[in-house]
Amino acid sequence: MPYVWDFAILGKYSHLFWLGLGWTIAYTIGTVVLGTLIGLFVGILRLRRLPVIDWLLLAYIELFRCTPLLVQIIWFYYALPVVLGVNIPAHAAAVSVLSLYGGAFYAEIVRGSIESVHSGQWDAARALGLKPWRVLRLVILPQALKPMLAPYVNQSVTQLKNTSLVSVIAVPDLVYNATLINADTYRPLEVYTIVALIYFAILFPATLVGRKLERGLTYEKA
């Protein structure tokens, strides 16, 4: 017997979809902001090339970039409390991991974009008598924003997709609420089709923005 699709049955669960979407967007915005701050701090500090500090920062970046995010979330929520001897709420674990994970990628975007600015810009700014921090803030960072923008948007889009993984620790995001709805309705095809469409409706326009930025930068360089 062919499968009979029935989306109407999910109408009474619309509030759970909206609630999950709200949490997903909140987690995305919050962790993108925190990750950006971490990335700026780490990326700029790596420019100093201080031996021990640079090694520690590089270890942080590679640790988070080279291990699966799902494993990090599970470890932070289940293993870290055992190591520290304190209870870590699911929300705190989710925000911490997503922010640190995003921060590792943002740090490399910041560092690479700043280093792409011609060294002559540093020399010219110093010749004007500007202090290093003012050189960075007034001269270098404004020029680094263009090469930084496209990868930053793409990483932020990825950050939204990554929030779906926090459902494994019972954070009530869109995927977790979809799991609850599916457990009550036994309609996984309809439930996860709606979830996929919601993610697509948010992510596709953001992806187009990222592509437009990349094309704009390519034409400008040409």
N, C-alpha and C. Protein backbone atom coordinates (compact mmCIF):
# COMPACT_ATOMS: atom_id res chain seq x y z
N MET A 1 0.85 -1.19 0.00
CA MET A 1 0.00 0.00 0.00
C MET A 1 0.89 1.25 0.00
N PRO A 2 0.66 2.19 -0.92
CA PRO A 2 1.46 3.42 -0.96
C PRO A 2 1.24 4.27 0.28
N TYR A 3 2.29 4.99 0.65
CA TYR A 3 2.20 5.84 1.83
C TYR A 3 1.28 7.02 1.56
N VAL A 4 0.41 7.32 2.51
CA VAL A 4 -0.51 8.45 2.39
C VAL A 4 0.00 9.60 3.26
N TRP A 5 0.40 10.67 2.60
CA TRP A 5 0.90 11.83 3.32
C TRP A 5 -0.25 12.57 3.99
N ASP A 6 -0.02 13.03 5.21
CA ASP A 6 -1.06 13.75 5.95
C ASP A 6 -0.40 14.83 6.81
N PHE A 7 -0.30 16.03 6.25
CA PHE A 7 0.29 17.13 6.99
C PHE A 7 -0.70 17.80 7.93
N ALA A 8 -2.00 17.59 7.66
CA ALA A 8 -3.03 18.25 8.46
C ALA A 8 -2.95 17.85 9.93
N ILE A 9 -2.51 16.62 10.19
CA ILE A 9 -2.45 16.14 11.56
C ILE A 9 -1.45 16.92 12.40
N LEU A 10 -0.53 17.60 11.73
CA LEU A 10 0.52 18.34 12.45
C LEU A 10 0.09 19.76 12.81
N GLY A 11 -1.11 20.14 12.38
CA GLY A 11 -1.56 21.51 12.63
C GLY A 11 -1.58 21.89 14.10
N LYS A 12 -1.99 20.98 14.94
CA LYS A 12 -2.09 21.30 16.36
C LYS A 12 -0.73 21.36 17.06
N TYR A 13 0.32 20.98 16.32
CA TYR A 13 1.67 21.04 16.89
C TYR A 13 2.46 22.23 16.36
N SER A 14 1.78 23.14 15.67
CA SER A 14 2.50 24.27 15.06
C SER A 14 3.24 25.10 16.10
N HIS A 15 2.67 25.19 17.32
CA HIS A 15 3.34 25.98 18.36
C HIS A 15 4.69 25.40 18.73
N LEU A 16 4.82 24.07 18.64
CA LEU A 16 6.11 23.44 18.95
C LEU A 16 7.14 23.72 17.85
N PHE A 17 6.67 23.73 16.60
CA PHE A 17 7.58 24.09 15.50
C PHE A 17 8.07 25.53 15.68
N TRP A 18 7.14 26.44 16.01
CA TRP A 18 7.52 27.84 16.18
C TRP A 18 8.44 28.02 17.39
N LEU A 19 8.16 27.31 18.47
CA LEU A 19 9.00 27.39 19.66
C LEU A 19 10.40 26.88 19.36
N GLY A 20 10.47 25.75 18.67
CA GLY A 20 11.78 25.19 18.30
C GLY A 20 12.54 26.11 17.38
N LEU A 21 11.83 26.73 16.43
CA LEU A 21 12.49 27.67 15.51
C LEU A 21 13.01 28.88 16.28
N GLY A 22 12.22 29.35 17.25
CA GLY A 22 12.67 30.48 18.06
C GLY A 22 13.96 30.18 18.80
N TRP A 23 14.01 28.98 19.42
CA TRP A 23 15.24 28.59 20.12
C TRP A 23 16.41 28.44 19.15
N THR A 24 16.15 27.88 17.98
CA THR A 24 17.21 27.70 16.99
C THR A 24 17.80 29.04 16.57
N ILE A 25 16.93 29.99 16.28
CA ILE A 25 17.40 31.32 15.88
C ILE A 25 18.13 32.01 17.04
N ALA A 26 17.59 31.87 18.25
CA ALA A 26 18.24 32.48 19.41
C ALA A 26 19.64 31.90 19.63
N TYR A 27 19.76 30.57 19.53
CA TYR A 27 21.07 29.94 19.68
C TYR A 27 22.02 30.38 18.58
N THR A 28 21.49 30.50 17.37
CA THR A 28 22.35 30.92 16.25
C THR A 28 22.88 32.32 16.47
N ILE A 29 21.98 33.26 16.77
CA ILE A 29 22.41 34.65 16.98
C ILE A 29 23.38 34.76 18.16
N GLY A 30 23.02 34.12 19.27
CA GLY A 30 23.85 34.20 20.46
C GLY A 30 25.24 33.62 20.26
N THR A 31 25.31 32.45 19.64
CA THR A 31 26.62 31.80 19.46
C THR A 31 27.43 32.44 18.34
N VAL A 32 26.76 33.03 17.35
CA VAL A 32 27.50 33.77 16.33
C VAL A 32 28.15 35.01 16.95
N VAL A 33 27.41 35.72 17.79
CA VAL A 33 27.95 36.91 18.46
C VAL A 33 29.11 36.52 19.37
N LEU A 34 28.90 35.52 20.23
CA LEU A 34 29.97 35.09 21.13
C LEU A 34 31.15 34.52 20.35
N GLY A 35 30.86 33.73 19.33
CA GLY A 35 31.93 33.16 18.51
C GLY A 35 32.74 34.23 17.79
N THR A 36 32.05 35.29 17.35
CA THR A 36 32.74 36.40 16.68
C THR A 36 33.68 37.10 17.65
N LEU A 37 33.22 37.34 18.87
CA LEU A 37 34.08 37.98 19.88
C LEU A 37 35.30 37.11 20.18
N ILE A 38 35.06 35.80 20.33
CA ILE A 38 36.17 34.88 20.57
C ILE A 38 37.13 34.89 19.38
N GLY A 39 36.56 34.84 18.18
CA GLY A 39 37.37 34.82 16.97
C GLY A 39 38.21 36.08 16.80
N LEU A 40 37.62 37.23 17.09
CA LEU A 40 38.38 38.48 17.00
C LEU A 40 39.53 38.50 17.99
N PHE A 41 39.23 38.09 19.23
CA PHE A 41 40.27 38.09 20.26
C PHE A 41 41.40 37.13 19.90
N VAL A 42 41.04 35.91 19.56
CA VAL A 42 42.06 34.88 19.26
C VAL A 42 42.80 35.22 17.97
N GLY A 43 42.05 35.64 16.94
CA GLY A 43 42.67 35.94 15.65
C GLY A 43 43.67 37.08 15.75
N ILE A 44 43.29 38.14 16.46
CA ILE A 44 44.19 39.29 16.62
C ILE A 44 45.38 38.93 17.50
N LEU A 45 45.13 38.17 18.56
CA LEU A 45 46.21 37.79 19.46
C LEU A 45 47.23 36.90 18.75
N ARG A 46 46.77 36.09 17.81
CA ARG A 46 47.70 35.22 17.07
C ARG A 46 48.65 36.02 16.19
N LEU A 47 48.26 37.24 15.85
CA LEU A 47 49.14 38.07 15.03
C LEU A 47 50.40 38.46 15.78
N ARG A 48 50.34 38.45 17.10
CA ARG A 48 51.49 38.86 17.91
C ARG A 48 52.61 37.83 17.88
N ARG A 49 52.26 36.58 17.55
CA ARG A 49 53.25 35.50 17.47
C ARG A 49 54.03 35.30 18.77
N LEU A 50 53.33 35.40 19.89
CA LEU A 50 53.97 35.12 21.18
C LEU A 50 54.08 33.60 21.33
N PRO A 51 55.28 33.06 21.48
CA PRO A 51 55.52 31.62 21.37
C PRO A 51 54.56 30.72 22.13
N VAL A 52 54.50 30.83 23.45
CA VAL A 52 53.68 29.93 24.25
C VAL A 52 52.20 30.20 24.02
N ILE A 53 51.81 31.48 24.03
CA ILE A 53 50.41 31.84 23.85
C ILE A 53 49.92 31.42 22.47
N ASP A 54 50.74 31.64 21.44
CA ASP A 54 50.34 31.27 20.08
C ASP A 54 50.15 29.76 19.97
N TRP A 55 51.00 29.00 20.64
CA TRP A 55 50.87 27.54 20.62
C TRP A 55 49.56 27.10 21.28
N LEU A 56 49.23 27.73 22.41
CA LEU A 56 47.97 27.40 23.10
C LEU A 56 46.75 27.77 22.27
N LEU A 57 46.80 28.94 21.64
CA LEU A 57 45.68 29.37 20.79
C LEU A 57 45.54 28.45 19.58
N LEU A 58 46.65 28.06 19.00
CA LEU A 58 46.61 27.14 17.86
C LEU A 58 46.05 25.78 18.28
N ALA A 59 46.43 25.33 19.48
CA ALA A 59 45.91 24.06 20.00
C ALA A 59 44.39 24.14 20.17
N TYR A 60 43.89 25.27 20.70
CA TYR A 60 42.44 25.46 20.82
C TYR A 60 41.75 25.40 19.47
N ILE A 61 42.31 26.13 18.49
CA ILE A 61 41.71 26.18 17.16
C ILE A 61 41.65 24.80 16.52
N GLU A 62 42.77 24.09 16.54
CA GLU A 62 42.82 22.78 15.89
C GLU A 62 41.99 21.74 16.63
N LEU A 63 41.93 21.85 17.96
CA LEU A 63 41.12 20.91 18.73
C LEU A 63 39.65 21.00 18.33
N PHE A 64 39.15 22.23 18.21
CA PHE A 64 37.74 22.39 17.89
C PHE A 64 37.44 22.20 16.41
N ARG A 65 38.42 22.51 15.56
CA ARG A 65 38.17 22.34 14.13
C ARG A 65 38.35 20.90 13.66
N CYS A 66 39.13 20.13 14.40
CA CYS A 66 39.48 18.79 13.93
C CYS A 66 38.77 17.67 14.69
N THR A 67 37.79 18.01 15.52
CA THR A 67 36.97 16.99 16.18
C THR A 67 35.51 17.26 15.86
N PRO A 68 34.69 16.21 15.74
CA PRO A 68 33.28 16.41 15.38
C PRO A 68 32.54 17.23 16.43
N LEU A 69 31.71 18.14 15.97
CA LEU A 69 30.95 18.99 16.88
C LEU A 69 30.03 18.17 17.77
N LEU A 70 29.45 17.12 17.22
CA LEU A 70 28.55 16.27 18.01
C LEU A 70 29.30 15.66 19.20
N VAL A 71 30.52 15.22 18.96
CA VAL A 71 31.34 14.63 20.03
C VAL A 71 31.65 15.70 21.08
N GLN A 72 31.94 16.91 20.64
CA GLN A 72 32.23 18.00 21.57
C GLN A 72 31.03 18.30 22.47
N ILE A 73 29.85 18.34 21.88
CA ILE A 73 28.64 18.62 22.66
C ILE A 73 28.41 17.54 23.71
N ILE A 74 28.52 16.31 23.29
CA ILE A 74 28.32 15.19 24.22
C ILE A 74 29.37 15.21 25.32
N TRP A 75 30.61 15.49 24.94
CA TRP A 75 31.69 15.49 25.94
C TRP A 75 31.49 16.61 26.96
N PHE A 76 31.16 17.81 26.47
CA PHE A 76 30.94 18.95 27.38
C PHE A 76 29.80 18.69 28.34
N TYR A 77 28.75 18.03 27.85
CA TYR A 77 27.56 17.86 28.68
C TYR A 77 27.67 16.68 29.65
N TYR A 78 28.30 15.59 29.19
CA TYR A 78 28.35 14.38 30.01
C TYR A 78 29.68 14.16 30.71
N ALA A 79 30.79 14.47 30.03
CA ALA A 79 32.12 14.16 30.60
C ALA A 79 32.69 15.31 31.42
N LEU A 80 32.57 16.54 30.92
CA LEU A 80 33.16 17.67 31.64
C LEU A 80 32.61 17.84 33.05
N PRO A 81 31.30 17.65 33.30
CA PRO A 81 30.81 17.74 34.68
C PRO A 81 31.47 16.73 35.62
N VAL A 82 31.81 15.56 35.08
CA VAL A 82 32.49 14.55 35.89
C VAL A 82 33.90 15.01 36.22
N VAL A 83 34.58 15.61 35.23
CA VAL A 83 35.95 16.09 35.43
C VAL A 83 35.98 17.24 36.42
N LEU A 84 35.03 18.19 36.27
CA LEU A 84 35.02 19.38 37.12
C LEU A 84 34.28 19.17 38.43
N GLY A 85 33.43 18.17 38.48
CA GLY A 85 32.65 17.92 39.68
C GLY A 85 31.50 18.89 39.87
N VAL A 86 31.04 19.50 38.77
CA VAL A 86 29.91 20.44 38.84
C VAL A 86 28.90 20.08 37.74
N ASN A 87 27.65 20.42 37.98
CA ASN A 87 26.62 20.16 36.99
C ASN A 87 26.59 21.29 35.96
N ILE A 88 26.55 20.94 34.69
CA ILE A 88 26.49 21.93 33.61
C ILE A 88 25.14 21.79 32.91
N PRO A 89 24.29 22.82 32.99
CA PRO A 89 22.98 22.76 32.32
C PRO A 89 23.14 22.57 30.81
N ALA A 90 22.14 21.95 30.22
CA ALA A 90 22.20 21.68 28.78
C ALA A 90 22.35 22.96 27.97
N HIS A 91 21.63 24.01 28.36
CA HIS A 91 21.73 25.28 27.63
C HIS A 91 23.14 25.84 27.69
N ALA A 92 23.75 25.79 28.87
CA ALA A 92 25.11 26.32 29.03
C ALA A 92 26.11 25.51 28.21
N ALA A 93 25.96 24.19 28.22
CA ALA A 93 26.86 23.34 27.45
C ALA A 93 26.72 23.62 25.96
N ALA A 94 25.47 23.76 25.50
CA ALA A 94 25.23 24.00 24.08
C ALA A 94 25.82 25.33 23.63
N VAL A 95 25.57 26.39 24.39
CA VAL A 95 26.08 27.71 24.03
C VAL A 95 27.60 27.73 24.07
N SER A 96 28.19 27.12 25.09
CA SER A 96 29.64 27.10 25.23
C SER A 96 30.31 26.41 24.05
N VAL A 97 29.82 25.22 23.73
CA VAL A 97 30.44 24.45 22.66
C VAL A 97 30.26 25.14 21.30
N LEU A 98 29.04 25.57 21.00
CA LEU A 98 28.80 26.22 19.71
C LEU A 98 29.62 27.50 19.57
N SER A 99 29.75 28.25 20.65
CA SER A 99 30.52 29.50 20.60
C SER A 99 32.01 29.23 20.41
N LEU A 100 32.54 28.26 21.16
CA LEU A 100 33.95 27.92 21.03
C LEU A 100 34.25 27.31 19.67
N TYR A 101 33.34 26.48 19.19
CA TYR A 101 33.51 25.85 17.88
C TYR A 101 33.51 26.91 16.79
N GLY A 102 32.50 27.79 16.81
CA GLY A 102 32.46 28.86 15.82
C GLY A 102 33.64 29.80 15.95
N GLY A 103 34.03 30.10 17.20
CA GLY A 103 35.15 30.99 17.44
C GLY A 103 36.45 30.49 16.82
N ALA A 104 36.65 29.18 16.81
CA ALA A 104 37.86 28.62 16.22
C ALA A 104 37.93 28.92 14.72
N PHE A 105 36.79 28.82 14.04
CA PHE A 105 36.76 29.12 12.60
C PHE A 105 36.83 30.62 12.35
N TYR A 106 36.11 31.39 13.16
CA TYR A 106 36.15 32.84 12.99
C TYR A 106 37.56 33.38 13.23
N ALA A 107 38.29 32.78 14.16
CA ALA A 107 39.64 33.23 14.47
C ALA A 107 40.55 33.12 13.24
N GLU A 108 40.43 32.02 12.51
CA GLU A 108 41.25 31.85 11.32
C GLU A 108 40.80 32.77 10.20
N ILE A 109 39.50 33.06 10.14
CA ILE A 109 39.00 34.01 9.14
C ILE A 109 39.57 35.40 9.43
N VAL A 110 39.53 35.79 10.70
CA VAL A 110 40.05 37.10 11.11
C VAL A 110 41.55 37.18 10.84
N ARG A 111 42.28 36.18 11.30
CA ARG A 111 43.74 36.20 11.13
C ARG A 111 44.12 36.24 9.65
N GLY A 112 43.51 35.37 8.85
CA GLY A 112 43.84 35.32 7.42
C GLY A 112 43.49 36.61 6.70
N SER A 113 42.36 37.22 7.06
CA SER A 113 41.93 38.45 6.40
C SER A 113 42.85 39.61 6.75
N ILE A 114 43.26 39.69 8.01
CA ILE A 114 44.18 40.75 8.42
C ILE A 114 45.54 40.58 7.74
N GLU A 115 46.00 39.34 7.68
CA GLU A 115 47.31 39.10 7.07
C GLU A 115 47.29 39.32 5.56
N SER A 116 46.07 39.34 4.96
CA SER A 116 45.98 39.59 3.52
C SER A 116 46.18 41.06 3.17
N VAL A 117 46.06 41.94 4.17
CA VAL A 117 46.30 43.36 3.94
C VAL A 117 47.81 43.57 3.73
N HIS A 118 48.15 44.33 2.71
CA HIS A 118 49.57 44.53 2.36
C HIS A 118 50.34 45.13 3.53
N SER A 119 51.52 44.61 3.74
CA SER A 119 52.35 45.07 4.87
C SER A 119 52.67 46.55 4.78
N GLY A 120 52.64 47.11 3.57
CA GLY A 120 52.92 48.53 3.42
C GLY A 120 51.91 49.41 4.14
N GLN A 121 50.70 48.88 4.32
CA GLN A 121 49.68 49.63 5.05
C GLN A 121 50.08 49.80 6.52
N TRP A 122 50.66 48.75 7.09
CA TRP A 122 51.15 48.84 8.46
C TRP A 122 52.27 49.89 8.56
N ASP A 123 53.20 49.81 7.61
CA ASP A 123 54.35 50.71 7.64
C ASP A 123 53.91 52.17 7.48
N ALA A 124 52.96 52.41 6.57
CA ALA A 124 52.50 53.77 6.33
C ALA A 124 51.80 54.33 7.56
N ALA A 125 50.99 53.49 8.21
CA ALA A 125 50.26 53.95 9.41
C ALA A 125 51.23 54.23 10.55
N ARG A 126 52.25 53.39 10.70
CA ARG A 126 53.25 53.63 11.75
C ARG A 126 54.03 54.92 11.47
N ALA A 127 54.27 55.17 10.19
CA ALA A 127 55.02 56.37 9.82
C ALA A 127 54.25 57.63 10.19
N LEU A 128 52.93 57.52 10.30
CA LEU A 128 52.10 58.65 10.70
C LEU A 128 52.07 58.83 12.21
N GLY A 129 52.72 57.90 12.92
CA GLY A 129 52.80 58.02 14.37
C GLY A 129 51.67 57.33 15.11
N LEU A 130 50.91 56.49 14.44
CA LEU A 130 49.81 55.80 15.10
C LEU A 130 50.34 54.64 15.94
N LYS A 131 49.74 54.44 17.07
CA LYS A 131 50.10 53.31 17.92
C LYS A 131 49.54 52.02 17.31
N PRO A 132 50.17 50.86 17.66
CA PRO A 132 49.76 49.59 17.04
C PRO A 132 48.25 49.32 17.09
N TRP A 133 47.62 49.58 18.25
CA TRP A 133 46.18 49.29 18.35
C TRP A 133 45.38 50.19 17.42
N ARG A 134 45.77 51.46 17.31
CA ARG A 134 45.06 52.37 16.41
C ARG A 134 45.32 52.03 14.95
N VAL A 135 46.51 51.53 14.66
CA VAL A 135 46.81 51.07 13.30
C VAL A 135 45.86 49.94 12.92
N LEU A 136 45.72 49.00 13.85
CA LEU A 136 44.85 47.86 13.59
C LEU A 136 43.39 48.29 13.45
N ARG A 137 42.95 49.14 14.36
CA ARG A 137 41.53 49.51 14.39
C ARG A 137 41.14 50.47 13.27
N LEU A 138 42.00 51.42 12.97
CA LEU A 138 41.64 52.48 12.02
C LEU A 138 42.07 52.20 10.58
N VAL A 139 43.11 51.41 10.41
CA VAL A 139 43.67 51.21 9.07
C VAL A 139 43.52 49.78 8.57
N ILE A 140 43.90 48.82 9.38
CA ILE A 140 43.97 47.43 8.91
C ILE A 140 42.61 46.74 8.90
N LEU A 141 41.89 46.81 10.02
CA LEU A 141 40.61 46.11 10.10
C LEU A 141 39.60 46.58 9.04
N PRO A 142 39.47 47.89 8.78
CA PRO A 142 38.55 48.30 7.71
C PRO A 142 38.88 47.68 6.35
N GLN A 143 40.18 47.51 6.08
CA GLN A 143 40.58 46.90 4.80
C GLN A 143 40.40 45.39 4.82
N ALA A 144 40.47 44.79 6.01
CA ALA A 144 40.33 43.34 6.13
C ALA A 144 38.87 42.89 6.08
N LEU A 145 37.94 43.83 6.23
CA LEU A 145 36.52 43.46 6.27
C LEU A 145 36.05 42.84 4.96
N LYS A 146 36.54 43.34 3.83
CA LYS A 146 36.08 42.82 2.54
C LYS A 146 36.43 41.34 2.35
N PRO A 147 37.71 40.95 2.48
CA PRO A 147 38.01 39.52 2.35
C PRO A 147 37.43 38.67 3.47
N MET A 148 37.09 39.33 4.59
CA MET A 148 36.55 38.60 5.74
C MET A 148 35.06 38.30 5.59
N LEU A 149 34.34 39.14 4.85
CA LEU A 149 32.89 39.12 4.87
C LEU A 149 32.29 37.83 4.34
N ALA A 150 32.72 37.38 3.16
CA ALA A 150 32.12 36.19 2.55
C ALA A 150 32.33 34.93 3.39
N PRO A 151 33.56 34.61 3.82
CA PRO A 151 33.73 33.42 4.66
C PRO A 151 33.02 33.56 6.00
N TYR A 152 32.91 34.79 6.51
CA TYR A 152 32.20 35.01 7.77
C TYR A 152 30.72 34.66 7.62
N VAL A 153 30.11 35.10 6.54
CA VAL A 153 28.70 34.78 6.29
C VAL A 153 28.51 33.28 6.11
N ASN A 154 29.39 32.66 5.36
CA ASN A 154 29.29 31.21 5.14
C ASN A 154 29.42 30.43 6.44
N GLN A 155 30.35 30.85 7.29
CA GLN A 155 30.51 30.16 8.57
C GLN A 155 29.30 30.38 9.47
N SER A 156 28.70 31.55 9.39
CA SER A 156 27.50 31.83 10.19
C SER A 156 26.32 31.00 9.72
N VAL A 157 26.24 30.76 8.40
CA VAL A 157 25.21 29.87 7.86
C VAL A 157 25.42 28.45 8.39
N THR A 158 26.67 28.02 8.39
CA THR A 158 27.00 26.70 8.94
C THR A 158 26.65 26.62 10.41
N GLN A 159 26.83 27.73 11.12
CA GLN A 159 26.51 27.76 12.55
C GLN A 159 25.03 27.49 12.78
N LEU A 160 24.17 28.01 11.91
CA LEU A 160 22.74 27.74 12.04
C LEU A 160 22.45 26.26 11.87
N LYS A 161 23.10 25.64 10.89
CA LYS A 161 22.90 24.19 10.69
C LYS A 161 23.44 23.40 11.89
N ASN A 162 24.52 23.87 12.46
CA ASN A 162 25.13 23.15 13.58
C ASN A 162 24.24 23.14 14.82
N THR A 163 23.35 24.12 14.96
CA THR A 163 22.50 24.16 16.14
C THR A 163 21.60 22.93 16.24
N SER A 164 21.35 22.26 15.11
CA SER A 164 20.49 21.08 15.14
C SER A 164 21.08 19.96 16.00
N LEU A 165 22.40 20.00 16.22
CA LEU A 165 23.06 18.93 16.98
C LEU A 165 22.80 19.03 18.48
N VAL A 166 22.39 20.21 18.97
CA VAL A 166 22.17 20.35 20.41
C VAL A 166 20.95 19.56 20.87
N SER A 167 20.16 19.07 19.93
CA SER A 167 18.98 18.26 20.29
C SER A 167 19.37 16.98 21.02
N VAL A 168 20.63 16.54 20.84
CA VAL A 168 21.06 15.28 21.47
C VAL A 168 21.15 15.42 22.99
N ILE A 169 21.22 16.67 23.49
CA ILE A 169 21.26 16.86 24.95
C ILE A 169 19.96 17.51 25.43
N ALA A 170 18.90 17.29 24.66
CA ALA A 170 17.54 17.70 25.04
C ALA A 170 17.35 19.21 25.12
N VAL A 171 18.10 19.96 24.33
CA VAL A 171 17.84 21.39 24.20
C VAL A 171 16.67 21.55 23.23
N PRO A 172 15.64 22.30 23.60
CA PRO A 172 14.40 22.33 22.81
C PRO A 172 14.48 23.14 21.52
N ASP A 173 15.43 22.79 20.66
CA ASP A 173 15.51 23.48 19.36
C ASP A 173 14.51 22.87 18.39
N LEU A 174 14.60 23.24 17.14
CA LEU A 174 13.64 22.78 16.14
C LEU A 174 13.68 21.26 15.98
N VAL A 175 14.87 20.68 15.92
CA VAL A 175 14.99 19.23 15.73
C VAL A 175 14.48 18.47 16.95
N TYR A 176 14.79 18.95 18.14
CA TYR A 176 14.33 18.26 19.35
C TYR A 176 12.80 18.29 19.44
N ASN A 177 12.21 19.45 19.17
CA ASN A 177 10.75 19.54 19.21
C ASN A 177 10.12 18.68 18.13
N ALA A 178 10.79 18.57 16.98
CA ALA A 178 10.30 17.68 15.93
C ALA A 178 10.30 16.23 16.40
N THR A 179 11.31 15.87 17.17
CA THR A 179 11.37 14.51 17.73
C THR A 179 10.19 14.25 18.66
N LEU A 180 9.85 15.26 19.47
CA LEU A 180 8.69 15.13 20.37
C LEU A 180 7.39 14.97 19.57
N ILE A 181 7.26 15.76 18.52
CA ILE A 181 6.06 15.68 17.68
C ILE A 181 5.96 14.32 17.01
N ASN A 182 7.09 13.85 16.52
CA ASN A 182 7.10 12.53 15.86
C ASN A 182 6.74 11.42 16.83
N ALA A 183 7.22 11.53 18.08
CA ALA A 183 6.91 10.50 19.09
C ALA A 183 5.42 10.47 19.41
N ASP A 184 4.73 11.61 19.21
CA ASP A 184 3.31 11.69 19.51
C ASP A 184 2.43 11.33 18.32
N THR A 185 2.95 11.57 17.12
CA THR A 185 2.12 11.37 15.92
C THR A 185 2.52 10.14 15.09
N TYR A 186 3.75 9.68 15.23
CA TYR A 186 4.28 8.59 14.40
C TYR A 186 4.19 8.95 12.91
N ARG A 187 4.49 10.20 12.58
CA ARG A 187 4.49 10.67 11.19
C ARG A 187 5.85 11.28 10.87
N PRO A 188 6.93 10.48 10.87
CA PRO A 188 8.27 11.03 10.68
C PRO A 188 8.47 11.70 9.32
N LEU A 189 7.86 11.18 8.27
CA LEU A 189 8.06 11.77 6.95
C LEU A 189 7.53 13.21 6.91
N GLU A 190 6.33 13.40 7.43
CA GLU A 190 5.75 14.73 7.44
C GLU A 190 6.51 15.67 8.37
N VAL A 191 6.83 15.18 9.56
CA VAL A 191 7.49 16.01 10.56
C VAL A 191 8.84 16.51 10.05
N TYR A 192 9.68 15.59 9.58
CA TYR A 192 11.02 16.00 9.19
C TYR A 192 11.06 16.66 7.82
N THR A 193 10.02 16.47 7.03
CA THR A 193 9.91 17.24 5.79
C THR A 193 9.67 18.71 6.12
N ILE A 194 8.79 18.97 7.09
CA ILE A 194 8.54 20.35 7.52
C ILE A 194 9.81 20.96 8.10
N VAL A 195 10.52 20.20 8.92
CA VAL A 195 11.78 20.70 9.50
C VAL A 195 12.77 21.05 8.40
N ALA A 196 12.90 20.16 7.41
CA ALA A 196 13.83 20.42 6.30
C ALA A 196 13.44 21.68 5.53
N LEU A 197 12.15 21.85 5.30
CA LEU A 197 11.67 23.03 4.57
C LEU A 197 11.92 24.32 5.36
N ILE A 198 11.76 24.25 6.67
CA ILE A 198 12.01 25.43 7.51
C ILE A 198 13.48 25.83 7.44
N TYR A 199 14.37 24.83 7.59
CA TYR A 199 15.80 25.13 7.49
C TYR A 199 16.14 25.69 6.11
N PHE A 200 15.56 25.10 5.07
CA PHE A 200 15.84 25.54 3.71
C PHE A 200 15.38 26.98 3.51
N ALA A 201 14.21 27.32 4.03
CA ALA A 201 13.67 28.67 3.87
C ALA A 201 14.56 29.72 4.52
N ILE A 202 15.28 29.34 5.58
CA ILE A 202 16.17 30.27 6.26
C ILE A 202 17.56 30.26 5.63
N LEU A 203 18.07 29.07 5.33
CA LEU A 203 19.45 28.93 4.91
C LEU A 203 19.68 29.30 3.45
N PHE A 204 18.72 29.03 2.59
CA PHE A 204 18.93 29.29 1.16
C PHE A 204 19.16 30.77 0.87
N PRO A 205 18.32 31.68 1.40
CA PRO A 205 18.60 33.11 1.17
C PRO A 205 19.96 33.54 1.74
N ALA A 206 20.30 33.00 2.92
CA ALA A 206 21.59 33.35 3.52
C ALA A 206 22.75 32.85 2.66
N THR A 207 22.59 31.66 2.05
CA THR A 207 23.61 31.12 1.16
C THR A 207 23.76 31.98 -0.08
N LEU A 208 22.64 32.46 -0.62
CA LEU A 208 22.70 33.35 -1.79
C LEU A 208 23.45 34.63 -1.48
N VAL A 209 23.24 35.15 -0.27
CA VAL A 209 23.96 36.36 0.15
C VAL A 209 25.47 36.09 0.17
N GLY A 210 25.85 34.92 0.74
CA GLY A 210 27.26 34.55 0.78
C GLY A 210 27.87 34.43 -0.60
N ARG A 211 27.12 33.81 -1.54
CA ARG A 211 27.62 33.66 -2.91
C ARG A 211 27.76 35.02 -3.60
N LYS A 212 26.80 35.89 -3.35
CA LYS A 212 26.86 37.23 -3.96
C LYS A 212 28.06 37.99 -3.46
N LEU A 213 28.34 37.87 -2.18
CA LEU A 213 29.52 38.53 -1.61
C LEU A 213 30.80 37.99 -2.22
N GLU A 214 30.86 36.66 -2.39
CA GLU A 214 32.05 36.04 -2.98
C GLU A 214 32.25 36.50 -4.41
N ARG A 215 31.15 36.54 -5.21
CA ARG A 215 31.26 36.98 -6.60
C ARG A 215 31.67 38.44 -6.67
N GLY A 216 31.11 39.26 -5.78
CA GLY A 216 31.46 40.67 -5.76
C GLY A 216 32.94 40.88 -5.49
N LEU A 217 33.47 40.12 -4.55
CA LEU A 217 34.90 40.24 -4.22
C LEU A 217 35.76 39.75 -5.35
N THR A 218 35.31 38.68 -6.05
CA THR A 218 36.08 38.15 -7.17
C THR A 218 36.15 39.16 -8.30
N TYR A 219 35.01 39.78 -8.64
CA TYR A 219 35.00 40.78 -9.70
C TYR A 219 35.85 41.99 -9.35
N GLU A 220 35.81 42.36 -8.07
CA GLU A 220 36.56 43.53 -7.63
C GLU A 220 38.05 43.29 -7.77
N LYS A 221 38.48 42.05 -7.42
CA LYS A 221 39.90 41.72 -7.55
C LYS A 221 40.32 41.69 -9.01
N ALA A 222 39.40 41.19 -9.88
CA ALA A 222 39.72 41.12 -11.30
C ALA A 222 39.87 42.53 -11.90
